[in-house]
C-alpha cells in the first residue's frame, strides 16, 4: 500500500484545526485496513516530520434521509497524529 493509499485526506474541521494549533496533532482520514505503524510511516515520509504517536478511531456511518428514502453513509477510519516537539507543522489547509 502506498502512502497516498494509506492517507486519503486531511480532516479539516473546527475540532481538527483546534487540535492542530493547540496540541500539535494532525487529523487524517485513512484507509480502513491501515494500522498505526503504516499511518506513522506515511506521515513521516509525506510531510518529512517525526511522529510521536498515532491514535485511530473507526467512525460509523450515519443514517441519512432524503424524504421517504433512507440510507447510511459509509464507515471510515480517522487517525490523530501527534508530532514531536520542535517539528514544523505542515500547512495543508488555509482557513
PDB file of N, CA and C in Angstrom:
ATOM      1  N   UNK A   1       0.846  -1.172   0.000  1.00  0.00           N
ATOM      2  CA  UNK A   1       0.000   0.000   0.000  1.00  0.00           C
ATOM      3  C   UNK A   1       0.897   1.243   0.000  1.00  0.00           C
ATOM      4  N   UNK A   2       0.645   2.200  -0.893  1.00  0.00           N
ATOM      5  CA  UNK A   2       1.452   3.416  -0.967  1.00  0.00           C
ATOM      6  C   UNK A   2       0.999   4.409   0.103  1.00  0.00           C
ATOM      7  N   UNK A   3       1.804   5.465   0.297  1.00  0.00           N
ATOM      8  CA  UNK A   3       1.448   6.454   1.315  1.00  0.00           C
ATOM      9  C   UNK A   3       0.171   7.192   0.952  1.00  0.00           C
ATOM     10  N   UNK A   4      -0.110   7.303  -0.352  1.00  0.00           N
ATOM     11  CA  UNK A   4      -1.322   8.005  -0.785  1.00  0.00           C
ATOM     12  C   UNK A   4      -2.557   7.126  -0.651  1.00  0.00           C
ATOM     13  N   UNK A   5      -2.376   5.811  -0.558  1.00  0.00           N
ATOM     14  CA  UNK A   5      -3.495   4.914  -0.283  1.00  0.00           C
ATOM     15  C   UNK A   5      -3.771   4.827   1.214  1.00  0.00           C
ATOM     16  N   UNK A   6      -2.728   4.986   2.036  1.00  0.00           N
ATOM     17  CA  UNK A   6      -2.904   4.960   3.491  1.00  0.00           C
ATOM     18  C   UNK A   6      -3.603   6.231   3.952  1.00  0.00           C
ATOM     19  N   UNK A   7      -3.084   7.393   3.550  1.00  0.00           N
ATOM     20  CA  UNK A   7      -3.672   8.677   3.938  1.00  0.00           C
ATOM     21  C   UNK A   7      -4.543   9.156   2.791  1.00  0.00           C
ATOM     22  N   UNK A   8      -5.853   9.219   3.037  1.00  0.00           N
ATOM     23  CA  UNK A   8      -6.769   9.627   1.980  1.00  0.00           C
ATOM     24  C   UNK A   8      -6.876  11.147   1.879  1.00  0.00           C
ATOM     25  N   UNK A   9      -7.105  11.811   3.025  1.00  0.00           N
ATOM     26  CA  UNK A   9      -7.256  13.259   3.013  1.00  0.00           C
ATOM     27  C   UNK A   9      -7.151  13.793   4.434  1.00  0.00           C
ATOM     28  N   UNK A  10      -6.786  15.064   4.610  1.00  0.00           N
ATOM     29  CA  UNK A  10      -6.831  15.661   5.945  1.00  0.00           C
ATOM     30  C   UNK A  10      -8.275  15.973   6.320  1.00  0.00           C
ATOM     31  N   UNK A  11      -8.587  15.846   7.577  1.00  0.00           N
ATOM     32  CA  UNK A  11      -9.917  16.184   8.070  1.00  0.00           C
ATOM     33  C   UNK A  11      -9.841  17.611   8.607  1.00  0.00           C
ATOM     34  N   UNK A  12     -10.430  18.542   7.884  1.00  0.00           N
ATOM     35  CA  UNK A  12     -10.376  19.958   8.254  1.00  0.00           C
ATOM     36  C   UNK A  12     -11.730  20.339   8.844  1.00  0.00           C
ATOM     37  N   UNK A  13     -11.810  20.210  10.174  1.00  0.00           N
ATOM     38  CA  UNK A  13     -12.999  20.612  10.915  1.00  0.00           C
ATOM     39  C   UNK A  13     -12.569  21.578  12.006  1.00  0.00           C
ATOM     40  N   UNK A  14     -13.526  22.148  12.701  1.00  0.00           N
ATOM     41  CA  UNK A  14     -13.192  23.076  13.769  1.00  0.00           C
ATOM     42  C   UNK A  14     -12.377  22.373  14.857  1.00  0.00           C
ATOM     43  N   UNK A  15     -12.776  21.155  15.198  1.00  0.00           N
ATOM     44  CA  UNK A  15     -12.049  20.386  16.215  1.00  0.00           C
ATOM     45  C   UNK A  15     -10.649  20.029  15.728  1.00  0.00           C
ATOM     46  N   UNK A  16     -10.522  19.627  14.464  1.00  0.00           N
ATOM     47  CA  UNK A  16      -9.227  19.256  13.919  1.00  0.00           C
ATOM     48  C   UNK A  16      -8.254  20.418  13.867  1.00  0.00           C
ATOM     49  N   UNK A  17      -8.735  21.589  13.476  1.00  0.00           N
ATOM     50  CA  UNK A  17      -7.873  22.774  13.405  1.00  0.00           C
ATOM     51  C   UNK A  17      -7.455  23.212  14.804  1.00  0.00           C
ATOM     52  N   UNK A  18      -8.354  23.108  15.788  1.00  0.00           N
ATOM     53  CA  UNK A  18      -8.015  23.462  17.171  1.00  0.00           C
ATOM     54  C   UNK A  18      -6.951  22.526  17.726  1.00  0.00           C
ATOM     55  N   UNK A  19      -7.083  21.211  17.464  1.00  0.00           N
ATOM     56  CA  UNK A  19      -6.076  20.252  17.917  1.00  0.00           C
ATOM     57  C   UNK A  19      -4.734  20.511  17.235  1.00  0.00           C
ATOM     58  N   UNK A  20      -4.774  20.927  15.978  1.00  0.00           N
ATOM     59  CA  UNK A  20      -3.538  21.210  15.247  1.00  0.00           C
ATOM     60  C   UNK A  20      -2.805  22.388  15.878  1.00  0.00           C
ATOM     61  N   UNK A  21      -3.534  23.431  16.230  1.00  0.00           N
ATOM     62  CA  UNK A  21      -2.906  24.632  16.777  1.00  0.00           C
ATOM     63  C   UNK A  21      -2.461  24.457  18.224  1.00  0.00           C
ATOM     64  N   UNK A  22      -3.284  23.800  19.044  1.00  0.00           N
ATOM     65  CA  UNK A  22      -3.007  23.726  20.479  1.00  0.00           C
ATOM     66  C   UNK A  22      -2.214  22.497  20.898  1.00  0.00           C
ATOM     67  N   UNK A  23      -2.432  21.355  20.254  1.00  0.00           N
ATOM     68  CA  UNK A  23      -1.837  20.102  20.719  1.00  0.00           C
ATOM     69  C   UNK A  23      -0.838  19.491  19.734  1.00  0.00           C
ATOM     70  N   UNK A  24      -0.514  20.196  18.640  1.00  0.00           N
ATOM     71  CA  UNK A  24       0.414  19.698  17.618  1.00  0.00           C
ATOM     72  C   UNK A  24      -0.037  18.345  17.076  1.00  0.00           C
ATOM     73  N   UNK A  25      -1.349  18.223  16.837  1.00  0.00           N
ATOM     74  CA  UNK A  25      -1.942  16.969  16.386  1.00  0.00           C
ATOM     75  C   UNK A  25      -2.633  17.186  15.049  1.00  0.00           C
ATOM     76  N   UNK A  26      -2.309  16.333  14.072  1.00  0.00           N
ATOM     77  CA  UNK A  26      -2.932  16.377  12.748  1.00  0.00           C
ATOM     78  C   UNK A  26      -4.014  15.309  12.680  1.00  0.00           C
ATOM     79  N   UNK A  27      -5.044  15.560  11.876  1.00  0.00           N
ATOM     80  CA  UNK A  27      -6.163  14.632  11.761  1.00  0.00           C
ATOM     81  C   UNK A  27      -6.328  14.245  10.289  1.00  0.00           C
ATOM     82  N   UNK A  28      -6.387  12.934  10.015  1.00  0.00           N
ATOM     83  CA  UNK A  28      -6.491  12.435   8.650  1.00  0.00           C
ATOM     84  C   UNK A  28      -7.565  11.368   8.543  1.00  0.00           C
ATOM     85  N   UNK A  29      -8.187  11.286   7.367  1.00  0.00           N
ATOM     86  CA  UNK A  29      -8.980  10.116   7.022  1.00  0.00           C
ATOM     87  C   UNK A  29      -8.000   9.124   6.408  1.00  0.00           C
ATOM     88  N   UNK A  30      -8.009   7.895   6.919  1.00  0.00           N
ATOM     89  CA  UNK A  30      -7.063   6.881   6.462  1.00  0.00           C
ATOM     90  C   UNK A  30      -7.818   5.663   5.942  1.00  0.00           C
ATOM     91  N   UNK A  31      -7.083   4.780   5.292  1.00  0.00           N
ATOM     92  CA  UNK A  31      -7.670   3.551   4.767  1.00  0.00           C
ATOM     93  C   UNK A  31      -8.176   2.697   5.929  1.00  0.00           C
ATOM     94  N   UNK A  32      -9.316   2.022   5.755  1.00  0.00           N
ATOM     95  CA  UNK A  32      -9.882   1.221   6.856  1.00  0.00           C
ATOM     96  C   UNK A  32      -8.978   0.084   7.327  1.00  0.00           C
ATOM     97  N   UNK A  33      -8.131  -0.441   6.457  1.00  0.00           N
ATOM     98  CA  UNK A  33      -7.256  -1.538   6.855  1.00  0.00           C
ATOM     99  C   UNK A  33      -5.844  -1.075   7.217  1.00  0.00           C
ATOM    100  N   UNK A  34      -5.630   0.236   7.335  1.00  0.00           N
ATOM    101  CA  UNK A  34      -4.317   0.770   7.723  1.00  0.00           C
ATOM    102  C   UNK A  34      -4.167   0.694   9.239  1.00  0.00           C
ATOM    103  N   UNK A  35      -2.963   0.301   9.694  1.00  0.00           N
ATOM    104  CA  UNK A  35      -2.711   0.272  11.132  1.00  0.00           C
ATOM    105  C   UNK A  35      -1.866   1.479  11.531  1.00  0.00           C
ATOM    106  N   UNK A  36      -1.573   1.594  12.827  1.00  0.00           N
ATOM    107  CA  UNK A  36      -0.858   2.765  13.332  1.00  0.00           C
ATOM    108  C   UNK A  36       0.559   2.866  12.772  1.00  0.00           C
ATOM    109  N   UNK A  37       1.220   1.743  12.587  1.00  0.00           N
ATOM    110  CA  UNK A  37       2.591   1.744  12.055  1.00  0.00           C
ATOM    111  C   UNK A  37       2.593   2.269  10.621  1.00  0.00           C
ATOM    112  N   UNK A  38       1.615   1.851   9.821  1.00  0.00           N
ATOM    113  CA  UNK A  38       1.520   2.314   8.436  1.00  0.00           C
ATOM    114  C   UNK A  38       1.213   3.807   8.377  1.00  0.00           C
ATOM    115  N   UNK A  39       0.327   4.295   9.254  1.00  0.00           N
ATOM    116  CA  UNK A  39      -0.027   5.719   9.275  1.00  0.00           C
ATOM    117  C   UNK A  39       1.187   6.550   9.682  1.00  0.00           C
ATOM    118  N   UNK A  40       1.926   6.090  10.700  1.00  0.00           N
ATOM    119  CA  UNK A  40       3.121   6.815  11.149  1.00  0.00           C
ATOM    120  C   UNK A  40       4.156   6.917  10.035  1.00  0.00           C
ATOM    121  N   UNK A  41       4.417   5.812   9.353  1.00  0.00           N
ATOM    122  CA  UNK A  41       5.401   5.817   8.272  1.00  0.00           C
ATOM    123  C   UNK A  41       4.965   6.715   7.119  1.00  0.00           C
ATOM    124  N   UNK A  42       3.678   6.698   6.789  1.00  0.00           N
ATOM    125  CA  UNK A  42       3.169   7.514   5.687  1.00  0.00           C
ATOM    126  C   UNK A  42       3.279   9.003   5.999  1.00  0.00           C
ATOM    127  N   UNK A  43       2.928   9.406   7.213  1.00  0.00           N
ATOM    128  CA  UNK A  43       3.005  10.830   7.587  1.00  0.00           C
ATOM    129  C   UNK A  43       4.457  11.292   7.610  1.00  0.00           C
ATOM    130  N   UNK A  44       5.361  10.457   8.152  1.00  0.00           N
ATOM    131  CA  UNK A  44       6.775  10.838   8.200  1.00  0.00           C
ATOM    132  C   UNK A  44       7.366  10.998   6.807  1.00  0.00           C
ATOM    133  N   UNK A  45       6.993  10.135   5.874  1.00  0.00           N
ATOM    134  CA  UNK A  45       7.520  10.242   4.509  1.00  0.00           C
ATOM    135  C   UNK A  45       6.868  11.379   3.735  1.00  0.00           C
ATOM    136  N   UNK A  46       5.572  11.573   3.923  1.00  0.00           N
ATOM    137  CA  UNK A  46       4.845  12.570   3.143  1.00  0.00           C
ATOM    138  C   UNK A  46       5.195  13.999   3.559  1.00  0.00           C
ATOM    139  N   UNK A  47       5.240  14.265   4.862  1.00  0.00           N
ATOM    140  CA  UNK A  47       5.472  15.621   5.358  1.00  0.00           C
ATOM    141  C   UNK A  47       6.890  15.850   5.865  1.00  0.00           C
ATOM    142  N   UNK A  48       7.735  14.792   5.892  1.00  0.00           N
ATOM    143  CA  UNK A  48       9.124  14.890   6.353  1.00  0.00           C
ATOM    144  C   UNK A  48       9.212  15.448   7.779  1.00  0.00           C
ATOM    145  N   UNK A  49       8.443  14.840   8.688  1.00  0.00           N
ATOM    146  CA  UNK A  49       8.430  15.209  10.104  1.00  0.00           C
ATOM    147  C   UNK A  49       8.598  13.936  10.937  1.00  0.00           C
ATOM    148  N   UNK A  50       8.843  14.096  12.238  1.00  0.00           N
ATOM    149  CA  UNK A  50       8.934  12.975  13.167  1.00  0.00           C
ATOM    150  C   UNK A  50       7.633  12.886  13.956  1.00  0.00           C
ATOM    151  N   UNK A  51       7.069  11.683  14.040  1.00  0.00           N
ATOM    152  CA  UNK A  51       5.787  11.459  14.701  1.00  0.00           C
ATOM    153  C   UNK A  51       6.022  10.904  16.098  1.00  0.00           C
ATOM    154  N   UNK A  52       5.326  11.472  17.086  1.00  0.00           N
ATOM    155  CA  UNK A  52       5.424  10.999  18.465  1.00  0.00           C
ATOM    156  C   UNK A  52       4.447   9.855  18.707  1.00  0.00           C
ATOM    157  N   UNK A  53       3.202   9.997  18.232  1.00  0.00           N
ATOM    158  CA  UNK A  53       2.207   8.965  18.477  1.00  0.00           C
ATOM    159  C   UNK A  53       1.059   9.041  17.492  1.00  0.00           C
ATOM    160  N   UNK A  54       0.327   7.927  17.368  1.00  0.00           N
ATOM    161  CA  UNK A  54      -0.825   7.844  16.469  1.00  0.00           C
ATOM    162  C   UNK A  54      -1.987   7.220  17.232  1.00  0.00           C
ATOM    163  N   UNK A  55      -3.146   7.836  17.132  1.00  0.00           N
ATOM    164  CA  UNK A  55      -4.376   7.267  17.681  1.00  0.00           C
ATOM    165  C   UNK A  55      -5.362   7.120  16.540  1.00  0.00           C
ATOM    166  N   UNK A  56      -6.075   6.005  16.485  1.00  0.00           N
ATOM    167  CA  UNK A  56      -7.037   5.777  15.409  1.00  0.00           C
ATOM    168  C   UNK A  56      -8.415   5.511  15.993  1.00  0.00           C
ATOM    169  N   UNK A  57      -9.426   5.796  15.190  1.00  0.00           N
ATOM    170  CA  UNK A  57     -10.800   5.535  15.574  1.00  0.00           C
ATOM    171  C   UNK A  57     -11.597   5.175  14.333  1.00  0.00           C
ATOM    172  N   UNK A  58     -12.517   4.235  14.490  1.00  0.00           N
ATOM    173  CA  UNK A  58     -13.412   3.855  13.406  1.00  0.00           C
ATOM    174  C   UNK A  58     -14.708   4.638  13.557  1.00  0.00           C
ATOM    175  N   UNK A  59     -15.067   5.401  12.544  1.00  0.00           N
ATOM    176  CA  UNK A  59     -16.285   6.200  12.550  1.00  0.00           C
ATOM    177  C   UNK A  59     -17.390   5.409  11.855  1.00  0.00           C
ATOM    178  N   UNK A  60     -18.518   5.263  12.517  1.00  0.00           N
ATOM    179  CA  UNK A  60     -19.655   4.534  11.951  1.00  0.00           C
ATOM    180  C   UNK A  60     -20.479   5.500  11.119  1.00  0.00           C
ATOM    181  N   UNK A  61     -20.903   5.062   9.927  1.00  0.00           N
ATOM    182  CA  UNK A  61     -21.693   5.904   9.040  1.00  0.00           C
ATOM    183  C   UNK A  61     -23.051   6.257   9.630  1.00  0.00           C
ATOM    184  N   UNK A  62     -23.457   7.495   9.437  1.00  0.00           N
ATOM    185  CA  UNK A  62     -24.716   7.980   9.996  1.00  0.00           C
ATOM    186  C   UNK A  62     -25.884   7.662   9.067  1.00  0.00           C
ATOM    187  N   UNK A  63     -27.071   7.555   9.647  1.00  0.00           N
ATOM    188  CA  UNK A  63     -28.295   7.408   8.869  1.00  0.00           C
ATOM    189  C   UNK A  63     -28.635   8.742   8.223  1.00  0.00           C
ATOM    190  N   UNK A  64     -28.845   8.755   6.920  1.00  0.00           N
ATOM    191  CA  UNK A  64     -29.215   9.974   6.192  1.00  0.00           C
ATOM    192  C   UNK A  64     -30.531   9.739   5.490  1.00  0.00           C
ATOM    193  N   UNK A  65     -31.398  10.741   5.518  1.00  0.00           N
ATOM    194  CA  UNK A  65     -32.719  10.618   4.899  1.00  0.00           C
ATOM    195  C   UNK A  65     -32.894  11.676   3.816  1.00  0.00           C
ATOM    196  N   UNK A  66     -33.543  11.283   2.751  1.00  0.00           N
ATOM    197  CA  UNK A  66     -33.957  12.196   1.690  1.00  0.00           C
ATOM    198  C   UNK A  66     -35.435  11.924   1.459  1.00  0.00           C
ATOM    199  N   UNK A  67     -36.276  12.667   2.178  1.00  0.00           N
ATOM    200  CA  UNK A  67     -37.710  12.418   2.082  1.00  0.00           C
ATOM    201  C   UNK A  67     -38.053  11.076   2.695  1.00  0.00           C
ATOM    202  N   UNK A  68     -38.682  10.203   1.921  1.00  0.00           N
ATOM    203  CA  UNK A  68     -39.046   8.885   2.450  1.00  0.00           C
ATOM    204  C   UNK A  68     -37.958   7.846   2.245  1.00  0.00           C
ATOM    205  N   UNK A  69     -36.877   8.222   1.585  1.00  0.00           N
ATOM    206  CA  UNK A  69     -35.775   7.296   1.330  1.00  0.00           C
ATOM    207  C   UNK A  69     -34.698   7.467   2.404  1.00  0.00           C
ATOM    208  N   UNK A  70     -34.207   6.353   2.899  1.00  0.00           N
ATOM    209  CA  UNK A  70     -33.195   6.386   3.954  1.00  0.00           C
ATOM    210  C   UNK A  70     -32.024   5.505   3.554  1.00  0.00           C
ATOM    211  N   UNK A  71     -30.837   5.888   3.990  1.00  0.00           N
ATOM    212  CA  UNK A  71     -29.633   5.116   3.723  1.00  0.00           C
ATOM    213  C   UNK A  71     -28.568   5.505   4.725  1.00  0.00           C
ATOM    214  N   UNK A  72     -27.446   4.813   4.673  1.00  0.00           N
ATOM    215  CA  UNK A  72     -26.345   5.079   5.587  1.00  0.00           C
ATOM    216  C   UNK A  72     -25.137   5.580   4.820  1.00  0.00           C
ATOM    217  N   UNK A  73     -24.422   6.511   5.440  1.00  0.00           N
ATOM    218  CA  UNK A  73     -23.127   6.914   4.901  1.00  0.00           C
ATOM    219  C   UNK A  73     -22.135   5.780   5.133  1.00  0.00           C
ATOM    220  N   UNK A  74     -21.035   5.805   4.419  1.00  0.00           N
ATOM    221  CA  UNK A  74     -20.020   4.765   4.561  1.00  0.00           C
ATOM    222  C   UNK A  74     -19.289   4.906   5.887  1.00  0.00           C
ATOM    223  N   UNK A  75     -18.855   3.775   6.451  1.00  0.00           N
ATOM    224  CA  UNK A  75     -17.980   3.783   7.612  1.00  0.00           C
ATOM    225  C   UNK A  75     -16.583   4.213   7.162  1.00  0.00           C
ATOM    226  N   UNK A  76     -15.831   4.876   8.051  1.00  0.00           N
ATOM    227  CA  UNK A  76     -14.495   5.322   7.695  1.00  0.00           C
ATOM    228  C   UNK A  76     -13.617   5.357   8.932  1.00  0.00           C
ATOM    229  N   UNK A  77     -12.314   5.478   8.720  1.00  0.00           N
ATOM    230  CA  UNK A  77     -11.340   5.459   9.798  1.00  0.00           C
ATOM    231  C   UNK A  77     -10.618   6.793   9.872  1.00  0.00           C
ATOM    232  N   UNK A  78     -10.440   7.284  11.102  1.00  0.00           N
ATOM    233  CA  UNK A  78      -9.780   8.565  11.329  1.00  0.00           C
ATOM    234  C   UNK A  78      -8.540   8.330  12.182  1.00  0.00           C
ATOM    235  N   UNK A  79      -7.475   9.083  11.903  1.00  0.00           N
ATOM    236  CA  UNK A  79      -6.232   8.965  12.665  1.00  0.00           C
ATOM    237  C   UNK A  79      -5.805  10.341  13.174  1.00  0.00           C
ATOM    238  N   UNK A  80      -5.470  10.404  14.460  1.00  0.00           N
ATOM    239  CA  UNK A  80      -4.897  11.601  15.058  1.00  0.00           C
ATOM    240  C   UNK A  80      -3.399  11.352  15.215  1.00  0.00           C
ATOM    241  N   UNK A  81      -2.580  12.197  14.572  1.00  0.00           N
ATOM    242  CA  UNK A  81      -1.128  12.019  14.561  1.00  0.00           C
ATOM    243  C   UNK A  81      -0.498  13.176  15.329  1.00  0.00           C
ATOM    244  N   UNK A  82       0.193  12.850  16.427  1.00  0.00           N
ATOM    245  CA  UNK A  82       0.862  13.855  17.248  1.00  0.00           C
ATOM    246  C   UNK A  82       2.326  13.936  16.830  1.00  0.00           C
ATOM    247  N   UNK A  83       2.799  15.156  16.579  1.00  0.00           N
ATOM    248  CA  UNK A  83       4.188  15.371  16.164  1.00  0.00           C
ATOM    249  C   UNK A  83       5.086  15.601  17.373  1.00  0.00           C
ATOM    250  N   UNK A  84       6.373  15.277  17.213  1.00  0.00           N
ATOM    251  CA  UNK A  84       7.351  15.508  18.278  1.00  0.00           C
ATOM    252  C   UNK A  84       7.600  17.000  18.428  1.00  0.00           C
ATOM    253  N   UNK A  85       8.088  17.384  19.618  1.00  0.00           N
ATOM    254  CA  UNK A  85       8.400  18.788  19.865  1.00  0.00           C
ATOM    255  C   UNK A  85       9.520  19.239  18.944  1.00  0.00           C
ATOM    256  N   UNK A  86       9.408  20.469  18.454  1.00  0.00           N
ATOM    257  CA  UNK A  86      10.425  21.020  17.576  1.00  0.00           C
ATOM    258  C   UNK A  86      10.163  20.771  16.102  1.00  0.00           C
ATOM    259  N   UNK A  87       9.175  19.960  15.773  1.00  0.00           N
ATOM    260  CA  UNK A  87       8.855  19.694  14.371  1.00  0.00           C
ATOM    261  C   UNK A  87       7.972  20.805  13.821  1.00  0.00           C
ATOM    262  N   UNK A  88       8.194  21.160  12.576  1.00  0.00           N
ATOM    263  CA  UNK A  88       7.410  22.207  11.913  1.00  0.00           C
ATOM    264  C   UNK A  88       6.066  21.629  11.481  1.00  0.00           C
ATOM    265  N   UNK A  89       4.996  22.353  11.768  1.00  0.00           N
ATOM    266  CA  UNK A  89       3.655  21.903  11.401  1.00  0.00           C
ATOM    267  C   UNK A  89       3.440  22.088   9.909  1.00  0.00           C
ATOM    268  N   UNK A  90       3.022  21.058   9.193  1.00  0.00           N
ATOM    269  CA  UNK A  90       2.731  21.222   7.772  1.00  0.00           C
ATOM    270  C   UNK A  90       1.453  22.021   7.573  1.00  0.00           C
ATOM    271  N   UNK A  91       1.450  22.868   6.564  1.00  0.00           N
ATOM    272  CA  UNK A  91       0.277  23.692   6.250  1.00  0.00           C
ATOM    273  C   UNK A  91      -0.432  23.081   5.058  1.00  0.00           C
ATOM    274  N   UNK A  92      -1.473  22.303   5.309  1.00  0.00           N
ATOM    275  CA  UNK A  92      -2.224  21.698   4.214  1.00  0.00           C
ATOM    276  C   UNK A  92      -3.578  22.336   4.031  1.00  0.00           C
ATOM    277  N   UNK A  93      -3.944  23.294   4.894  1.00  0.00           N
ATOM    278  CA  UNK A  93      -5.249  23.944   4.751  1.00  0.00           C
ATOM    279  C   UNK A  93      -5.137  25.398   5.193  1.00  0.00           C
ATOM    280  N   UNK A  94      -5.705  26.264   4.451  1.00  0.00           N
ATOM    281  CA  UNK A  94      -5.785  27.678   4.801  1.00  0.00           C
ATOM    282  C   UNK A  94      -7.253  28.009   5.042  1.00  0.00           C
ATOM    283  N   UNK A  95      -7.567  28.395   6.267  1.00  0.00           N
ATOM    284  CA  UNK A  95      -8.969  28.693   6.599  1.00  0.00           C
ATOM    285  C   UNK A  95      -9.151  30.173   6.785  1.00  0.00           C
TER     286      UNK A  95
END
